[in-house]
Structures are given as structure tokens and as C-alpha cells.
Amino acid sequence: MSVNKVKLISEINDAFKDVVLGNGIGLSEADAIDSYADLKLRTECRQNDEKHNWNLITADNLNKYNCSLSFFDAEGMQFHLPAFMIADINEEYKFGMSFALTNLSDYSKSQFGLLSQKQRGAIRLFLEYILEHPSYEFERPEIKSAIESYWSK
């Protein structure tokens, strides 16, 4: 099944259109957590993080703070994930998204805990899209397994 890039981006935008960060962990705040920063620096980072419109997060910042995917809480993941996926679809994200969506530990599943069925469906479509992409050739078994075992429920 071939997934159309324009339709996929539209599906992601629609599924995540009203998501705000709320009390979730922000992009540079997550990077500060990764760096074992103290609470003062984390708070400073959070003040500068986008909290209301994930579409405003640039691919440059997603690349700069690429490790943040591992440190988001559920609110942070729900808010930032669409920006990462769209940047990846547009080939602007340099690190790839398969690991974040296929390494399904108890912790990573907790990060996906707030996703609605519509959002999970958009993620499944994204995974089907990258399953066919040459950049993900070596990750295909993990992507396929994640689609079948987790993202199709």
C-alpha cells in the first residue's frame, strides 16, 4: 500500500491540530534533562520552548534537540511528535523516526499514553509511509512488527 505524502501530512495535521504542550516537557527542556541540568536551567529552557503551536517548531530545532524524543513525558510526546514526523516526511529531520516509534518498551509506551485513536492512526500511516522509504530499508522488520503489534490496536 502506497501512502501519499501530501495526504499523510494532512492526516497528521488534522489528528494533532488542537494539541498544546500544557504541563508537558518541552523540546529544549527535554534536552536539558538529557544533560542532567539542574532545575533552574530546565526552567529557563522551558520558558523558551514552544507550548501552543507545534507547527512553529523548526526542523533546525528538531535536529538540534533530537535526543528530546527519549525524554518527553506523554504530554510532551503528543505535542512534539507531529512536528518530528512531518519534518521526517519532508526529509528535513536528519535522525530518523523509526527507533522512537518501534522501540516499544514500557517507558516508551507510557510516552504514547495520551494519544487518541485518530492520532495513533496517523502514526500508523506514517509508519506505513516510512516502511516503503529507502532510508528505512534496514529498519523495515522493526517497523512492520510495530505496526502489527502496537500501532494497529
C-alpha atoms as a PDB file:
ATOM      1  CA  MET A   1       0.000   0.000   0.000  1.00  0.00           C
ATOM      2  CA  SER A   2       1.468   3.309  -1.052  1.00  0.00           C
ATOM      3  CA  VAL A   3       0.890   6.243   1.278  1.00  0.00           C
ATOM      4  CA  ASN A   4       0.616   9.669  -0.367  1.00  0.00           C
ATOM      5  CA  LYS A   5       2.954  12.239   1.235  1.00  0.00           C
ATOM      6  CA  VAL A   6       0.554  15.200   0.956  1.00  0.00           C
ATOM      7  CA  LYS A   7      -2.380  13.186   2.322  1.00  0.00           C
ATOM      8  CA  LEU A   8      -0.219  11.879   5.164  1.00  0.00           C
ATOM      9  CA  ILE A   9       0.863  15.370   6.230  1.00  0.00           C
ATOM     10  CA  SER A  10      -2.779  16.457   6.106  1.00  0.00           C
ATOM     11  CA  GLU A  11      -3.789  13.458   8.279  1.00  0.00           C
ATOM     12  CA  ILE A  12      -1.084  14.295  10.840  1.00  0.00           C
ATOM     13  CA  ASN A  13      -2.074  17.961  10.921  1.00  0.00           C
ATOM     14  CA  ASP A  14      -5.731  17.050  11.377  1.00  0.00           C
ATOM     15  CA  ALA A  15      -5.079  14.459  14.103  1.00  0.00           C
ATOM     16  CA  PHE A  16      -2.849  16.744  16.165  1.00  0.00           C
ATOM     17  CA  LYS A  17      -4.370  20.151  15.290  1.00  0.00           C
ATOM     18  CA  ASP A  18      -5.551  21.133  18.770  1.00  0.00           C
ATOM     19  CA  VAL A  19      -2.699  19.678  20.815  1.00  0.00           C
ATOM     20  CA  VAL A  20      -0.837  22.070  23.108  1.00  0.00           C
ATOM     21  CA  LEU A  21       2.079  21.299  25.405  1.00  0.00           C
ATOM     22  CA  GLY A  22       0.228  22.025  28.646  1.00  0.00           C
ATOM     23  CA  ASN A  23       2.388  20.917  31.568  1.00  0.00           C
ATOM     24  CA  GLY A  24       4.401  18.561  29.371  1.00  0.00           C
ATOM     25  CA  ILE A  25       8.144  18.577  28.867  1.00  0.00           C
ATOM     26  CA  GLY A  26       9.273  20.990  26.149  1.00  0.00           C
ATOM     27  CA  LEU A  27      11.843  20.475  23.415  1.00  0.00           C
ATOM     28  CA  SER A  28      14.901  22.181  24.898  1.00  0.00           C
ATOM     29  CA  GLU A  29      13.747  21.264  28.410  1.00  0.00           C
ATOM     30  CA  ALA A  30      13.990  17.576  27.403  1.00  0.00           C
ATOM     31  CA  ASP A  31      17.497  18.230  26.098  1.00  0.00           C
ATOM     32  CA  ALA A  32      18.371  19.791  29.458  1.00  0.00           C
ATOM     33  CA  ILE A  33      17.075  16.653  31.185  1.00  0.00           C
ATOM     34  CA  ASP A  34      19.321  14.595  28.901  1.00  0.00           C
ATOM     35  CA  SER A  35      22.242  16.774  30.003  1.00  0.00           C
ATOM     36  CA  TYR A  36      21.401  16.328  33.714  1.00  0.00           C
ATOM     37  CA  ALA A  37      20.785  20.074  34.015  1.00  0.00           C
ATOM     38  CA  ASP A  38      19.577  21.477  37.304  1.00  0.00           C
ATOM     39  CA  LEU A  39      16.017  22.690  37.811  1.00  0.00           C
ATOM     40  CA  LYS A  40      16.982  26.332  37.216  1.00  0.00           C
ATOM     41  CA  LEU A  41      18.363  25.620  33.737  1.00  0.00           C
ATOM     42  CA  ARG A  42      15.448  23.313  32.918  1.00  0.00           C
ATOM     43  CA  THR A  43      13.042  26.101  33.872  1.00  0.00           C
ATOM     44  CA  GLU A  44      14.928  28.590  31.687  1.00  0.00           C
ATOM     45  CA  CYS A  45      14.827  26.180  28.762  1.00  0.00           C
ATOM     46  CA  ARG A  46      11.118  25.582  29.241  1.00  0.00           C
ATOM     47  CA  GLN A  47      10.408  29.321  29.151  1.00  0.00           C
ATOM     48  CA  ASN A  48      11.783  29.471  25.600  1.00  0.00           C
ATOM     49  CA  ASP A  49      10.066  26.295  24.356  1.00  0.00           C
ATOM     50  CA  GLU A  50       7.052  26.472  22.042  1.00  0.00           C
ATOM     51  CA  LYS A  51       3.965  25.488  24.015  1.00  0.00           C
ATOM     52  CA  HIS A  52       0.957  26.315  21.842  1.00  0.00           C
ATOM     53  CA  ASN A  53       1.587  25.539  18.168  1.00  0.00           C
ATOM     54  CA  TRP A  54       3.815  22.587  17.290  1.00  0.00           C
ATOM     55  CA  ASN A  55       3.769  23.719  13.633  1.00  0.00           C
ATOM     56  CA  LEU A  56       6.023  26.609  14.667  1.00  0.00           C
ATOM     57  CA  ILE A  57       8.846  24.287  15.753  1.00  0.00           C
ATOM     58  CA  THR A  58      11.536  24.397  13.077  1.00  0.00           C
ATOM     59  CA  ALA A  59      13.322  21.406  11.630  1.00  0.00           C
ATOM     60  CA  ASP A  60      16.567  23.049  12.767  1.00  0.00           C
ATOM     61  CA  ASN A  61      15.397  22.898  16.380  1.00  0.00           C
ATOM     62  CA  LEU A  62      14.146  19.327  15.986  1.00  0.00           C
ATOM     63  CA  ASN A  63      17.585  18.353  14.696  1.00  0.00           C
ATOM     64  CA  LYS A  64      19.355  20.359  17.402  1.00  0.00           C
ATOM     65  CA  TYR A  65      17.316  18.677  20.150  1.00  0.00           C
ATOM     66  CA  ASN A  66      16.906  15.262  18.504  1.00  0.00           C
ATOM     67  CA  CYS A  67      17.570  13.372  21.753  1.00  0.00           C
ATOM     68  CA  SER A  68      14.498  15.003  23.279  1.00  0.00           C
ATOM     69  CA  LEU A  69      12.273  12.223  21.921  1.00  0.00           C
ATOM     70  CA  SER A  70      13.711   9.960  24.615  1.00  0.00           C
ATOM     71  CA  PHE A  71      12.913  12.389  27.442  1.00  0.00           C
ATOM     72  CA  PHE A  72       9.386  13.616  26.733  1.00  0.00           C
ATOM     73  CA  ASP A  73       6.555  12.733  29.045  1.00  0.00           C
ATOM     74  CA  ALA A  74       3.199  11.810  27.481  1.00  0.00           C
ATOM     75  CA  GLU A  75       2.139  15.457  27.006  1.00  0.00           C
ATOM     76  CA  GLY A  76       5.484  16.395  25.510  1.00  0.00           C
ATOM     77  CA  MET A  77       5.401  13.447  23.129  1.00  0.00           C
ATOM     78  CA  GLN A  78       1.852  14.160  21.994  1.00  0.00           C
ATOM     79  CA  PHE A  79       2.776  17.795  21.309  1.00  0.00           C
ATOM     80  CA  HIS A  80       6.126  17.301  19.553  1.00  0.00           C
ATOM     81  CA  LEU A  81       5.613  14.038  17.675  1.00  0.00           C
ATOM     82  CA  PRO A  82       3.695  15.539  14.728  1.00  0.00           C
ATOM     83  CA  ALA A  83       6.440  18.112  14.156  1.00  0.00           C
ATOM     84  CA  PHE A  84       9.076  15.362  14.116  1.00  0.00           C
ATOM     85  CA  MET A  85       7.045  13.177  11.757  1.00  0.00           C
ATOM     86  CA  ILE A  86       6.345  15.977   9.276  1.00  0.00           C
ATOM     87  CA  ALA A  87       9.995  17.071   9.293  1.00  0.00           C
ATOM     88  CA  ASP A  88      10.948  13.450   8.600  1.00  0.00           C
ATOM     89  CA  ILE A  89       8.427  13.151   5.749  1.00  0.00           C
ATOM     90  CA  ASN A  90       9.865  16.346   4.243  1.00  0.00           C
ATOM     91  CA  GLU A  91      13.372  14.892   4.658  1.00  0.00           C
ATOM     92  CA  GLU A  92      14.357  17.767   6.958  1.00  0.00           C
ATOM     93  CA  TYR A  93      14.844  15.659  10.081  1.00  0.00           C
ATOM     94  CA  LYS A  94      18.286  14.074   9.915  1.00  0.00           C
ATOM     95  CA  PHE A  95      17.976  11.356  12.558  1.00  0.00           C
ATOM     96  CA  GLY A  96      15.016   9.223  11.505  1.00  0.00           C
ATOM     97  CA  MET A  97      11.910   8.371  13.465  1.00  0.00           C
ATOM     98  CA  SER A  98      11.757   4.594  13.419  1.00  0.00           C
ATOM     99  CA  PHE A  99      13.510   3.997  16.749  1.00  0.00           C
ATOM    100  CA  ALA A 100      11.212   6.351  18.664  1.00  0.00           C
ATOM    101  CA  LEU A 101       8.121   4.603  17.278  1.00  0.00           C
ATOM    102  CA  THR A 102       9.289   0.991  17.194  1.00  0.00           C
ATOM    103  CA  ASN A 103      11.355   0.570  20.373  1.00  0.00           C
ATOM    104  CA  LEU A 104       8.286  -0.251  22.420  1.00  0.00           C
ATOM    105  CA  SER A 105       9.457  -0.554  25.990  1.00  0.00           C
ATOM    106  CA  ASP A 106       7.106   0.070  28.904  1.00  0.00           C
ATOM    107  CA  TYR A 107       8.607   3.568  29.175  1.00  0.00           C
ATOM    108  CA  SER A 108       8.078   4.440  25.506  1.00  0.00           C
ATOM    109  CA  LYS A 109       4.525   3.077  25.645  1.00  0.00           C
ATOM    110  CA  SER A 110       3.869   5.397  28.596  1.00  0.00           C
ATOM    111  CA  GLN A 111       5.019   8.297  26.385  1.00  0.00           C
ATOM    112  CA  PHE A 112       2.244   7.383  23.927  1.00  0.00           C
ATOM    113  CA  GLY A 113      -0.384   7.120  26.658  1.00  0.00           C
ATOM    114  CA  LEU A 114      -2.314  10.293  25.768  1.00  0.00           C
ATOM    115  CA  LEU A 115      -2.620   9.616  22.042  1.00  0.00           C
ATOM    116  CA  SER A 116      -6.153   9.415  20.691  1.00  0.00           C
ATOM    117  CA  GLN A 117      -7.228   6.725  18.227  1.00  0.00           C
ATOM    118  CA  LYS A 118      -7.072   9.331  15.457  1.00  0.00           C
ATOM    119  CA  GLN A 119      -3.502  10.250  16.439  1.00  0.00           C
ATOM    120  CA  ARG A 120      -2.488   6.583  16.646  1.00  0.00           C
ATOM    121  CA  GLY A 121      -3.968   6.124  13.172  1.00  0.00           C
ATOM    122  CA  ALA A 122      -1.872   8.998  11.830  1.00  0.00           C
ATOM    123  CA  ILE A 123       1.231   7.438  13.373  1.00  0.00           C
ATOM    124  CA  ARG A 124       0.367   4.084  11.808  1.00  0.00           C
ATOM    125  CA  LEU A 125       0.053   5.789   8.404  1.00  0.00           C
ATOM    126  CA  PHE A 126       3.402   7.475   8.989  1.00  0.00           C
ATOM    127  CA  LEU A 127       4.989   4.114   9.765  1.00  0.00           C
ATOM    128  CA  GLU A 128       3.451   2.620   6.619  1.00  0.00           C
ATOM    129  CA  TYR A 129       4.949   5.538   4.687  1.00  0.00           C
ATOM    130  CA  ILE A 130       8.468   5.084   6.058  1.00  0.00           C
ATOM    131  CA  LEU A 131       8.180   1.308   5.644  1.00  0.00           C
ATOM    132  CA  GLU A 132       8.391   1.944   1.893  1.00  0.00           C
ATOM    133  CA  HIS A 133      11.052   4.670   2.084  1.00  0.00           C
ATOM    134  CA  PRO A 134      14.593   3.679   1.025  1.00  0.00           C
ATOM    135  CA  SER A 135      16.109   5.465   4.043  1.00  0.00           C
ATOM    136  CA  TYR A 136      14.425   2.940   6.319  1.00  0.00           C
ATOM    137  CA  GLU A 137      15.419  -0.187   4.426  1.00  0.00           C
ATOM    138  CA  PHE A 138      17.281  -1.706   7.374  1.00  0.00           C
ATOM    139  CA  GLU A 139      14.542  -0.861   9.898  1.00  0.00           C
ATOM    140  CA  ARG A 140      11.717  -2.490   7.911  1.00  0.00           C
ATOM    141  CA  PRO A 141      11.359  -5.574  10.140  1.00  0.00           C
ATOM    142  CA  GLU A 142      11.017  -3.436  13.286  1.00  0.00           C
ATOM    143  CA  ILE A 143       8.632  -1.010  11.589  1.00  0.00           C
ATOM    144  CA  LYS A 144       6.430  -3.807  10.284  1.00  0.00           C
ATOM    145  CA  SER A 145       6.399  -5.526  13.665  1.00  0.00           C
ATOM    146  CA  ALA A 146       5.477  -2.291  15.487  1.00  0.00           C
ATOM    147  CA  ILE A 147       2.631  -1.619  13.053  1.00  0.00           C
ATOM    148  CA  GLU A 148       1.238  -5.121  13.515  1.00  0.00           C
ATOM    149  CA  SER A 149       1.768  -5.476  17.255  1.00  0.00           C
ATOM    150  CA  TYR A 150       1.163  -1.999  18.689  1.00  0.00           C
ATOM    151  CA  TRP A 151       0.049   0.725  16.276  1.00  0.00           C
ATOM    152  CA  SER A 152      -2.842  -1.219  14.731  1.00  0.00           C
ATOM    153  CA  LYS A 153      -4.632  -1.681  18.063  1.00  0.00           C
END
